Amino acid sequence: MKTILIILFFSIPVFGSSQNYYSFPDSNAIWNHYFEIGESKSFNNTTKYYSYGLMGDTIINSINYSKLYEFSDTVFTLSAEYLGGLREDTLRKVYYTGKEFW
């Protein structure tokens, strides 16, 4: 008896597979960053919370960037620390230039 194996290759459209693209914000944006250093379920873990925001713009090496700040509240204050600049190019790549911040 002869066995024939037939393999078919075809594409099935998956509903909902396309995603809307939202560009990286360039001003008036705030987000929070949380991370934990240490062993799982340990009381000796170090937990860090940071808030970051974009406010204003600057020119670095003749390229326009949004100013990135780090702060400890949910609103910008005078104590916010300037970290550097963020920008997005036409290929949807986001770039950061400035000091290391985590």
PDB file of N, CA and C in Angstrom:
ATOM      1  N   MET A   1       0.841  -1.166   0.000  1.00  0.00           N
ATOM      2  CA  MET A   1       0.000   0.000   0.000  1.00  0.00           C
ATOM      3  C   MET A   1       0.889   1.233   0.000  1.00  0.00           C
ATOM      4  N   LYS A   2       0.561   2.179  -0.804  1.00  0.00           N
ATOM      5  CA  LYS A   2       1.309   3.409  -0.948  1.00  0.00           C
ATOM      6  C   LYS A   2       0.624   4.507  -0.136  1.00  0.00           C
ATOM      7  N   THR A   3       1.414   5.267   0.634  1.00  0.00           N
ATOM      8  CA  THR A   3       0.871   6.383   1.401  1.00  0.00           C
ATOM      9  C   THR A   3       1.375   7.671   0.792  1.00  0.00           C
ATOM     10  N   ILE A   4       0.491   8.585   0.563  1.00  0.00           N
ATOM     11  CA  ILE A   4       0.854   9.874  -0.008  1.00  0.00           C
ATOM     12  C   ILE A   4       0.596  10.945   1.036  1.00  0.00           C
ATOM     13  N   LEU A   5       1.588  11.749   1.250  1.00  0.00           N
ATOM     14  CA  LEU A   5       1.470  12.860   2.189  1.00  0.00           C
ATOM     15  C   LEU A   5       1.349  14.144   1.391  1.00  0.00           C
ATOM     16  N   ILE A   6       0.272  14.841   1.587  1.00  0.00           N
ATOM     17  CA  ILE A   6       0.054  16.103   0.887  1.00  0.00           C
ATOM     18  C   ILE A   6       0.093  17.219   1.916  1.00  0.00           C
ATOM     19  N   ILE A   7       0.939  18.174   1.681  1.00  0.00           N
ATOM     20  CA  ILE A   7       1.053  19.329   2.574  1.00  0.00           C
ATOM     21  C   ILE A   7       0.573  20.544   1.810  1.00  0.00           C
ATOM     22  N   LEU A   8      -0.374  21.235   2.368  1.00  0.00           N
ATOM     23  CA  LEU A   8      -0.901  22.444   1.756  1.00  0.00           C
ATOM     24  C   LEU A   8      -0.443  23.655   2.545  1.00  0.00           C
ATOM     25  N   PHE A   9       0.016  24.648   1.842  1.00  0.00           N
ATOM     26  CA  PHE A   9       0.401  25.905   2.464  1.00  0.00           C
ATOM     27  C   PHE A   9      -0.585  26.965   2.017  1.00  0.00           C
ATOM     28  N   PHE A  10      -1.220  27.587   2.962  1.00  0.00           N
ATOM     29  CA  PHE A  10      -2.136  28.668   2.628  1.00  0.00           C
ATOM     30  C   PHE A  10      -2.213  29.626   3.794  1.00  0.00           C
ATOM     31  N   SER A  11      -2.720  30.764   3.511  1.00  0.00           N
ATOM     32  CA  SER A  11      -2.788  31.826   4.515  1.00  0.00           C
ATOM     33  C   SER A  11      -4.230  32.017   4.955  1.00  0.00           C
ATOM     34  N   ILE A  12      -4.425  32.054   6.225  1.00  0.00           N
ATOM     35  CA  ILE A  12      -5.744  32.314   6.780  1.00  0.00           C
ATOM     36  C   ILE A  12      -5.691  33.677   7.462  1.00  0.00           C
ATOM     37  N   PRO A  13      -6.536  34.607   7.028  1.00  0.00           N
ATOM     38  CA  PRO A  13      -6.526  35.903   7.715  1.00  0.00           C
ATOM     39  C   PRO A  13      -7.035  35.748   9.145  1.00  0.00           C
ATOM     40  N   VAL A  14      -6.307  36.308  10.065  1.00  0.00           N
ATOM     41  CA  VAL A  14      -6.690  36.238  11.471  1.00  0.00           C
ATOM     42  C   VAL A  14      -7.399  37.537  11.821  1.00  0.00           C
ATOM     43  N   PHE A  15      -8.617  37.408  12.270  1.00  0.00           N
ATOM     44  CA  PHE A  15      -9.393  38.596  12.594  1.00  0.00           C
ATOM     45  C   PHE A  15      -8.792  39.308  13.801  1.00  0.00           C
ATOM     46  N   GLY A  16      -8.684  40.611  13.694  1.00  0.00           N
ATOM     47  CA  GLY A  16      -8.131  41.395  14.790  1.00  0.00           C
ATOM     48  C   GLY A  16      -6.618  41.376  14.845  1.00  0.00           C
ATOM     49  N   SER A  17      -5.974  40.848  13.813  1.00  0.00           N
ATOM     50  CA  SER A  17      -4.516  40.741  13.861  1.00  0.00           C
ATOM     51  C   SER A  17      -3.825  42.061  13.542  1.00  0.00           C
ATOM     52  N   SER A  18      -4.514  42.954  12.861  1.00  0.00           N
ATOM     53  CA  SER A  18      -3.879  44.240  12.585  1.00  0.00           C
ATOM     54  C   SER A  18      -4.011  45.142  13.800  1.00  0.00           C
ATOM     55  N   GLN A  19      -3.022  45.946  14.027  1.00  0.00           N
ATOM     56  CA  GLN A  19      -3.016  46.832  15.179  1.00  0.00           C
ATOM     57  C   GLN A  19      -2.889  48.265  14.715  1.00  0.00           C
ATOM     58  N   ASN A  20      -3.544  49.137  15.448  1.00  0.00           N
ATOM     59  CA  ASN A  20      -3.380  50.562  15.186  1.00  0.00           C
ATOM     60  C   ASN A  20      -2.047  51.013  15.740  1.00  0.00           C
ATOM     61  N   TYR A  21      -1.386  51.882  15.029  1.00  0.00           N
ATOM     62  CA  TYR A  21      -0.110  52.418  15.500  1.00  0.00           C
ATOM     63  C   TYR A  21      -0.343  53.782  16.119  1.00  0.00           C
ATOM     64  N   TYR A  22       0.150  53.960  17.317  1.00  0.00           N
ATOM     65  CA  TYR A  22       0.082  55.241  18.008  1.00  0.00           C
ATOM     66  C   TYR A  22       1.512  55.718  18.203  1.00  0.00           C
ATOM     67  N   SER A  23       1.826  56.861  17.672  1.00  0.00           N
ATOM     68  CA  SER A  23       3.191  57.361  17.770  1.00  0.00           C
ATOM     69  C   SER A  23       3.536  57.692  19.227  1.00  0.00           C
ATOM     70  N   PHE A  24       4.825  57.661  19.504  1.00  0.00           N
ATOM     71  CA  PHE A  24       5.299  57.978  20.841  1.00  0.00           C
ATOM     72  C   PHE A  24       4.958  59.437  21.133  1.00  0.00           C
ATOM     73  N   PRO A  25       4.460  59.742  22.336  1.00  0.00           N
ATOM     74  CA  PRO A  25       4.100  61.138  22.616  1.00  0.00           C
ATOM     75  C   PRO A  25       5.325  62.039  22.570  1.00  0.00           C
ATOM     76  N   ASP A  26       5.097  63.287  22.191  1.00  0.00           N
ATOM     77  CA  ASP A  26       6.224  64.214  22.122  1.00  0.00           C
ATOM     78  C   ASP A  26       6.099  65.354  23.119  1.00  0.00           C
ATOM     79  N   SER A  27       5.016  65.409  23.880  1.00  0.00           N
ATOM     80  CA  SER A  27       4.887  66.431  24.922  1.00  0.00           C
ATOM     81  C   SER A  27       3.740  66.068  25.855  1.00  0.00           C
ATOM     82  N   ASN A  28       3.769  66.667  27.029  1.00  0.00           N
ATOM     83  CA  ASN A  28       2.703  66.522  28.020  1.00  0.00           C
ATOM     84  C   ASN A  28       2.322  65.071  28.282  1.00  0.00           C
ATOM     85  N   ALA A  29       3.293  64.205  28.433  1.00  0.00           N
ATOM     86  CA  ALA A  29       3.059  62.792  28.710  1.00  0.00           C
ATOM     87  C   ALA A  29       3.757  62.416  30.011  1.00  0.00           C
ATOM     88  N   ILE A  30       3.091  61.595  30.815  1.00  0.00           N
ATOM     89  CA  ILE A  30       3.659  61.117  32.078  1.00  0.00           C
ATOM     90  C   ILE A  30       3.440  59.610  32.146  1.00  0.00           C
ATOM     91  N   TRP A  31       4.456  58.859  32.573  1.00  0.00           N
ATOM     92  CA  TRP A  31       4.295  57.439  32.798  1.00  0.00           C
ATOM     93  C   TRP A  31       5.129  57.033  33.998  1.00  0.00           C
ATOM     94  N   ASN A  32       4.795  55.883  34.578  1.00  0.00           N
ATOM     95  CA  ASN A  32       5.464  55.389  35.780  1.00  0.00           C
ATOM     96  C   ASN A  32       6.247  54.131  35.451  1.00  0.00           C
ATOM     97  N   HIS A  33       7.323  53.943  36.175  1.00  0.00           N
ATOM     98  CA  HIS A  33       8.179  52.775  36.006  1.00  0.00           C
ATOM     99  C   HIS A  33       8.377  52.162  37.385  1.00  0.00           C
ATOM    100  N   TYR A  34       8.170  50.865  37.486  1.00  0.00           N
ATOM    101  CA  TYR A  34       8.302  50.148  38.741  1.00  0.00           C
ATOM    102  C   TYR A  34       9.175  48.925  38.493  1.00  0.00           C
ATOM    103  N   PHE A  35      10.118  48.678  39.386  1.00  0.00           N
ATOM    104  CA  PHE A  35      10.847  47.424  39.306  1.00  0.00           C
ATOM    105  C   PHE A  35      11.301  47.006  40.687  1.00  0.00           C
ATOM    106  N   GLU A  36      11.566  45.708  40.802  1.00  0.00           N
ATOM    107  CA  GLU A  36      11.953  45.122  42.074  1.00  0.00           C
ATOM    108  C   GLU A  36      13.242  44.347  41.877  1.00  0.00           C
ATOM    109  N   ILE A  37      14.193  44.560  42.782  1.00  0.00           N
ATOM    110  CA  ILE A  37      15.478  43.881  42.714  1.00  0.00           C
ATOM    111  C   ILE A  37      15.559  42.927  43.906  1.00  0.00           C
ATOM    112  N   GLY A  38      15.867  41.694  43.659  1.00  0.00           N
ATOM    113  CA  GLY A  38      16.001  40.725  44.730  1.00  0.00           C
ATOM    114  C   GLY A  38      15.383  39.398  44.348  1.00  0.00           C
ATOM    115  N   GLU A  39      15.371  38.494  45.305  1.00  0.00           N
ATOM    116  CA  GLU A  39      14.818  37.169  45.061  1.00  0.00           C
ATOM    117  C   GLU A  39      13.304  37.189  45.179  1.00  0.00           C
ATOM    118  N   SER A  40      12.682  36.297  44.485  1.00  0.00           N
ATOM    119  CA  SER A  40      11.227  36.189  44.525  1.00  0.00           C
ATOM    120  C   SER A  40      10.752  35.919  45.952  1.00  0.00           C
ATOM    121  N   LYS A  41       9.723  36.609  46.368  1.00  0.00           N
ATOM    122  CA  LYS A  41       9.087  36.443  47.693  1.00  0.00           C
ATOM    123  C   LYS A  41      10.064  36.669  48.849  1.00  0.00           C
ATOM    124  N   SER A  42      11.005  37.544  48.666  1.00  0.00           N
ATOM    125  CA  SER A  42      11.977  37.832  49.706  1.00  0.00           C
ATOM    126  C   SER A  42      11.652  39.166  50.369  1.00  0.00           C
ATOM    127  N   PHE A  43      11.884  39.256  51.657  1.00  0.00           N
ATOM    128  CA  PHE A  43      11.653  40.509  52.366  1.00  0.00           C
ATOM    129  C   PHE A  43      12.802  41.497  52.163  1.00  0.00           C
ATOM    130  N   ASN A  44      13.879  41.042  51.554  1.00  0.00           N
ATOM    131  CA  ASN A  44      15.033  41.898  51.334  1.00  0.00           C
ATOM    132  C   ASN A  44      15.025  42.550  49.954  1.00  0.00           C
ATOM    133  N   ASN A  45      13.930  42.459  49.255  1.00  0.00           N
ATOM    134  CA  ASN A  45      13.852  43.048  47.916  1.00  0.00           C
ATOM    135  C   ASN A  45      13.886  44.566  47.997  1.00  0.00           C
ATOM    136  N   THR A  46      14.414  45.174  46.961  1.00  0.00           N
ATOM    137  CA  THR A  46      14.416  46.620  46.835  1.00  0.00           C
ATOM    138  C   THR A  46      13.417  46.990  45.754  1.00  0.00           C
ATOM    139  N   THR A  47      12.434  47.786  46.107  1.00  0.00           N
ATOM    140  CA  THR A  47      11.419  48.213  45.159  1.00  0.00           C
ATOM    141  C   THR A  47      11.676  49.662  44.792  1.00  0.00           C
ATOM    142  N   LYS A  48      11.635  49.950  43.504  1.00  0.00           N
ATOM    143  CA  LYS A  48      11.885  51.306  43.029  1.00  0.00           C
ATOM    144  C   LYS A  48      10.700  51.766  42.199  1.00  0.00           C
ATOM    145  N   TYR A  49      10.289  52.995  42.437  1.00  0.00           N
ATOM    146  CA  TYR A  49       9.230  53.620  41.655  1.00  0.00           C
ATOM    147  C   TYR A  49       9.787  54.898  41.046  1.00  0.00           C
ATOM    148  N   TYR A  50       9.550  55.104  39.787  1.00  0.00           N
ATOM    149  CA  TYR A  50       9.982  56.317  39.118  1.00  0.00           C
ATOM    150  C   TYR A  50       8.839  56.850  38.262  1.00  0.00           C
ATOM    151  N   SER A  51       8.747  58.136  38.138  1.00  0.00           N
ATOM    152  CA  SER A  51       7.820  58.768  37.208  1.00  0.00           C
ATOM    153  C   SER A  51       8.644  59.542  36.198  1.00  0.00           C
ATOM    154  N   TYR A  52       8.232  59.458  34.947  1.00  0.00           N
ATOM    155  CA  TYR A  52       8.905  60.147  33.861  1.00  0.00           C
ATOM    156  C   TYR A  52       7.891  60.978  33.100  1.00  0.00           C
ATOM    157  N   GLY A  53       8.350  62.058  32.519  1.00  0.00           N
ATOM    158  CA  GLY A  53       7.454  62.900  31.753  1.00  0.00           C
ATOM    159  C   GLY A  53       8.181  63.665  30.674  1.00  0.00           C
ATOM    160  N   LEU A  54       7.429  64.041  29.669  1.00  0.00           N
ATOM    161  CA  LEU A  54       7.941  64.850  28.573  1.00  0.00           C
ATOM    162  C   LEU A  54       7.332  66.238  28.666  1.00  0.00           C
ATOM    163  N   MET A  55       8.190  67.250  28.639  1.00  0.00           N
ATOM    164  CA  MET A  55       7.710  68.624  28.706  1.00  0.00           C
ATOM    165  C   MET A  55       8.699  69.514  27.974  1.00  0.00           C
ATOM    166  N   GLY A  56       8.237  70.144  26.932  1.00  0.00           N
ATOM    167  CA  GLY A  56       9.094  71.045  26.179  1.00  0.00           C
ATOM    168  C   GLY A  56       9.948  70.297  25.174  1.00  0.00           C
ATOM    169  N   ASP A  57      10.754  71.062  24.451  1.00  0.00           N
ATOM    170  CA  ASP A  57      11.634  70.440  23.474  1.00  0.00           C
ATOM    171  C   ASP A  57      13.002  71.099  23.494  1.00  0.00           C
ATOM    172  N   THR A  58      13.943  70.429  22.872  1.00  0.00           N
ATOM    173  CA  THR A  58      15.317  70.901  22.816  1.00  0.00           C
ATOM    174  C   THR A  58      15.946  70.415  21.513  1.00  0.00           C
ATOM    175  N   ILE A  59      17.033  71.011  21.127  1.00  0.00           N
ATOM    176  CA  ILE A  59      17.760  70.592  19.932  1.00  0.00           C
ATOM    177  C   ILE A  59      19.103  70.019  20.374  1.00  0.00           C
ATOM    178  N   ILE A  60      19.350  68.778  19.973  1.00  0.00           N
ATOM    179  CA  ILE A  60      20.596  68.089  20.298  1.00  0.00           C
ATOM    180  C   ILE A  60      21.207  67.630  18.978  1.00  0.00           C
ATOM    181  N   ASN A  61      22.421  68.038  18.698  1.00  0.00           N
ATOM    182  CA  ASN A  61      23.107  67.703  17.435  1.00  0.00           C
ATOM    183  C   ASN A  61      22.237  68.044  16.220  1.00  0.00           C
ATOM    184  N   SER A  62      21.608  69.201  16.261  1.00  0.00           N
ATOM    185  CA  SER A  62      20.761  69.710  15.171  1.00  0.00           C
ATOM    186  C   SER A  62      19.494  68.888  14.935  1.00  0.00           C
ATOM    187  N   ILE A  63      19.089  68.066  15.907  1.00  0.00           N
ATOM    188  CA  ILE A  63      17.874  67.257  15.801  1.00  0.00           C
ATOM    189  C   ILE A  63      16.941  67.632  16.945  1.00  0.00           C
ATOM    190  N   ASN A  64      15.662  67.792  16.660  1.00  0.00           N
ATOM    191  CA  ASN A  64      14.676  68.175  17.658  1.00  0.00           C
ATOM    192  C   ASN A  64      14.287  66.972  18.536  1.00  0.00           C
ATOM    193  N   TYR A  65      14.369  67.135  19.850  1.00  0.00           N
ATOM    194  CA  TYR A  65      14.009  66.113  20.835  1.00  0.00           C
ATOM    195  C   TYR A  65      13.003  66.701  21.818  1.00  0.00           C
ATOM    196  N   SER A  66      12.191  65.833  22.420  1.00  0.00           N
ATOM    197  CA  SER A  66      11.345  66.231  23.543  1.00  0.00           C
ATOM    198  C   SER A  66      12.153  66.051  24.817  1.00  0.00           C
ATOM    199  N   LYS A  67      12.036  67.002  25.741  1.00  0.00           N
ATOM    200  CA  LYS A  67      12.788  66.913  26.991  1.00  0.00           C
ATOM    201  C   LYS A  67      12.166  65.869  27.913  1.00  0.00           C
ATOM    202  N   LEU A  68      13.005  64.966  28.435  1.00  0.00           N
ATOM    203  CA  LEU A  68      12.577  63.904  29.337  1.00  0.00           C
ATOM    204  C   LEU A  68      13.011  64.243  30.760  1.00  0.00           C
ATOM    205  N   TYR A  69      12.066  64.169  31.696  1.00  0.00           N
ATOM    206  CA  TYR A  69      12.326  64.462  33.101  1.00  0.00           C
ATOM    207  C   TYR A  69      11.965  63.269  33.968  1.00  0.00           C
ATOM    208  N   GLU A  70      12.641  63.166  35.114  1.00  0.00           N
ATOM    209  CA  GLU A  70      12.295  62.185  36.144  1.00  0.00           C
ATOM    210  C   GLU A  70      11.837  62.962  37.365  1.00  0.00           C
ATOM    211  N   PHE A  71      10.751  62.507  37.990  1.00  0.00           N
ATOM    212  CA  PHE A  71      10.252  63.205  39.170  1.00  0.00           C
ATOM    213  C   PHE A  71       9.594  62.217  40.109  1.00  0.00           C
ATOM    214  N   SER A  72       9.267  62.660  41.307  1.00  0.00           N
ATOM    215  CA  SER A  72       8.764  61.756  42.336  1.00  0.00           C
ATOM    216  C   SER A  72       7.294  61.988  42.668  1.00  0.00           C
ATOM    217  N   ASP A  73       6.594  62.731  41.850  1.00  0.00           N
ATOM    218  CA  ASP A  73       5.183  63.005  42.075  1.00  0.00           C
ATOM    219  C   ASP A  73       4.429  62.698  40.788  1.00  0.00           C
ATOM    220  N   THR A  74       3.129  62.892  40.787  1.00  0.00           N
ATOM    221  CA  THR A  74       2.350  62.651  39.578  1.00  0.00           C
ATOM    222  C   THR A  74       2.226  63.897  38.716  1.00  0.00           C
ATOM    223  N   VAL A  75       2.814  64.983  39.149  1.00  0.00           N
ATOM    224  CA  VAL A  75       2.828  66.214  38.364  1.00  0.00           C
ATOM    225  C   VAL A  75       4.260  66.743  38.313  1.00  0.00           C
ATOM    226  N   PHE A  76       4.556  67.515  37.298  1.00  0.00           N
ATOM    227  CA  PHE A  76       5.876  68.129  37.207  1.00  0.00           C
ATOM    228  C   PHE A  76       6.038  69.148  38.329  1.00  0.00           C
ATOM    229  N   THR A  77       7.197  69.125  38.949  1.00  0.00           N
ATOM    230  CA  THR A  77       7.530  70.096  39.988  1.00  0.00           C
ATOM    231  C   THR A  77       8.892  70.681  39.674  1.00  0.00           C
ATOM    232  N   LEU A  78       9.277  71.666  40.455  1.00  0.00           N
ATOM    233  CA  LEU A  78      10.605  72.266  40.265  1.00  0.00           C
ATOM    234  C   LEU A  78      11.722  71.290  40.571  1.00  0.00           C
ATOM    235  N   SER A  79      11.411  70.231  41.326  1.00  0.00           N
ATOM    236  CA  SER A  79      12.447  69.263  41.669  1.00  0.00           C
ATOM    237  C   SER A  79      12.629  68.185  40.595  1.00  0.00           C
ATOM    238  N   ALA A  80      11.881  68.254  39.483  1.00  0.00           N
ATOM    239  CA  ALA A  80      12.039  67.280  38.404  1.00  0.00           C
ATOM    240  C   ALA A  80      13.448  67.371  37.834  1.00  0.00           C
ATOM    241  N   GLU A  81      14.044  66.225  37.578  1.00  0.00           N
ATOM    242  CA  GLU A  81      15.414  66.174  37.075  1.00  0.00           C
ATOM    243  C   GLU A  81      15.418  65.955  35.568  1.00  0.00           C
ATOM    244  N   TYR A  82      16.093  66.825  34.846  1.00  0.00           N
ATOM    245  CA  TYR A  82      16.220  66.687  33.395  1.00  0.00           C
ATOM    246  C   TYR A  82      17.160  65.540  33.082  1.00  0.00           C
ATOM    247  N   LEU A  83      16.699  64.575  32.262  1.00  0.00           N
ATOM    248  CA  LEU A  83      17.514  63.417  31.931  1.00  0.00           C
ATOM    249  C   LEU A  83      18.120  63.477  30.533  1.00  0.00           C
ATOM    250  N   GLY A  84      17.384  64.037  29.585  1.00  0.00           N
ATOM    251  CA  GLY A  84      17.860  64.063  28.212  1.00  0.00           C
ATOM    252  C   GLY A  84      16.697  64.264  27.263  1.00  0.00           C
ATOM    253  N   GLY A  85      16.827  63.726  26.046  1.00  0.00           N
ATOM    254  CA  GLY A  85      15.798  63.924  25.045  1.00  0.00           C
ATOM    255  C   GLY A  85      15.331  62.631  24.411  1.00  0.00           C
ATOM    256  N   LEU A  86      14.053  62.616  24.005  1.00  0.00           N
ATOM    257  CA  LEU A  86      13.455  61.500  23.284  1.00  0.00           C
ATOM    258  C   LEU A  86      12.924  62.007  21.949  1.00  0.00           C
ATOM    259  N   ARG A  87      13.005  61.170  20.933  1.00  0.00           N
ATOM    260  CA  ARG A  87      12.407  61.519  19.649  1.00  0.00           C
ATOM    261  C   ARG A  87      12.017  60.239  18.932  1.00  0.00           C
ATOM    262  N   GLU A  88      11.099  60.368  17.980  1.00  0.00           N
ATOM    263  CA  GLU A  88      10.691  59.250  17.141  1.00  0.00           C
ATOM    264  C   GLU A  88      10.932  59.636  15.689  1.00  0.00           C
ATOM    265  N   ASP A  89      11.508  58.723  14.911  1.00  0.00           N
ATOM    266  CA  ASP A  89      11.749  59.036  13.509  1.00  0.00           C
ATOM    267  C   ASP A  89      10.587  58.547  12.639  1.00  0.00           C
ATOM    268  N   THR A  90      10.701  58.744  11.347  1.00  0.00           N
ATOM    269  CA  THR A  90       9.625  58.370  10.436  1.00  0.00           C
ATOM    270  C   THR A  90       9.478  56.860  10.285  1.00  0.00           C
ATOM    271  N   LEU A  91      10.467  56.092  10.723  1.00  0.00           N
ATOM    272  CA  LEU A  91      10.399  54.627  10.680  1.00  0.00           C
ATOM    273  C   LEU A  91       9.865  54.043  11.984  1.00  0.00           C
ATOM    274  N   ARG A  92       9.329  54.907  12.854  1.00  0.00           N
ATOM    275  CA  ARG A  92       8.722  54.525  14.136  1.00  0.00           C
ATOM    276  C   ARG A  92       9.742  54.017  15.150  1.00  0.00           C
ATOM    277  N   LYS A  93      10.976  54.430  15.022  1.00  0.00           N
ATOM    278  CA  LYS A  93      12.006  54.098  16.001  1.00  0.00           C
ATOM    279  C   LYS A  93      12.095  55.245  16.985  1.00  0.00           C
ATOM    280  N   VAL A  94      12.202  54.907  18.275  1.00  0.00           N
ATOM    281  CA  VAL A  94      12.298  55.912  19.332  1.00  0.00           C
ATOM    282  C   VAL A  94      13.748  55.965  19.799  1.00  0.00           C
ATOM    283  N   TYR A  95      14.281  57.172  19.913  1.00  0.00           N
ATOM    284  CA  TYR A  95      15.673  57.381  20.311  1.00  0.00           C
ATOM    285  C   TYR A  95      15.725  58.182  21.596  1.00  0.00           C
ATOM    286  N   TYR A  96      16.688  57.851  22.428  1.00  0.00           N
ATOM    287  CA  TYR A  96      16.950  58.588  23.661  1.00  0.00           C
ATOM    288  C   TYR A  96      18.403  59.016  23.650  1.00  0.00           C
ATOM    289  N   THR A  97      18.650  60.239  24.068  1.00  0.00           N
ATOM    290  CA  THR A  97      20.016  60.688  24.277  1.00  0.00           C
ATOM    291  C   THR A  97      20.049  61.442  25.597  1.00  0.00           C
ATOM    292  N   GLY A  98      21.029  61.147  26.416  1.00  0.00           N
ATOM    293  CA  GLY A  98      21.127  61.779  27.723  1.00  0.00           C
ATOM    294  C   GLY A  98      21.813  60.861  28.705  1.00  0.00           C
ATOM    295  N   LYS A  99      21.587  61.127  29.976  1.00  0.00           N
ATOM    296  CA  LYS A  99      22.260  60.309  30.989  1.00  0.00           C
ATOM    297  C   LYS A  99      21.543  58.995  31.218  1.00  0.00           C
ATOM    298  N   GLU A 100      22.261  58.009  31.697  1.00  0.00           N
ATOM    299  CA  GLU A 100      21.676  56.714  32.010  1.00  0.00           C
ATOM    300  C   GLU A 100      20.748  56.872  33.197  1.00  0.00           C
ATOM    301  N   PHE A 101      19.560  56.281  33.115  1.00  0.00           N
ATOM    302  CA  PHE A 101      18.611  56.530  34.202  1.00  0.00           C
ATOM    303  C   PHE A 101      17.985  55.289  34.795  1.00  0.00           C
ATOM    304  N   TRP A 102      18.428  54.091  34.506  1.00  0.00           N
ATOM    305  CA  TRP A 102      18.035  52.916  35.287  1.00  0.00           C
ATOM    306  C   TRP A 102      18.976  51.803  35.110  1.00  0.00           C
TER     307      TRP A 102
END
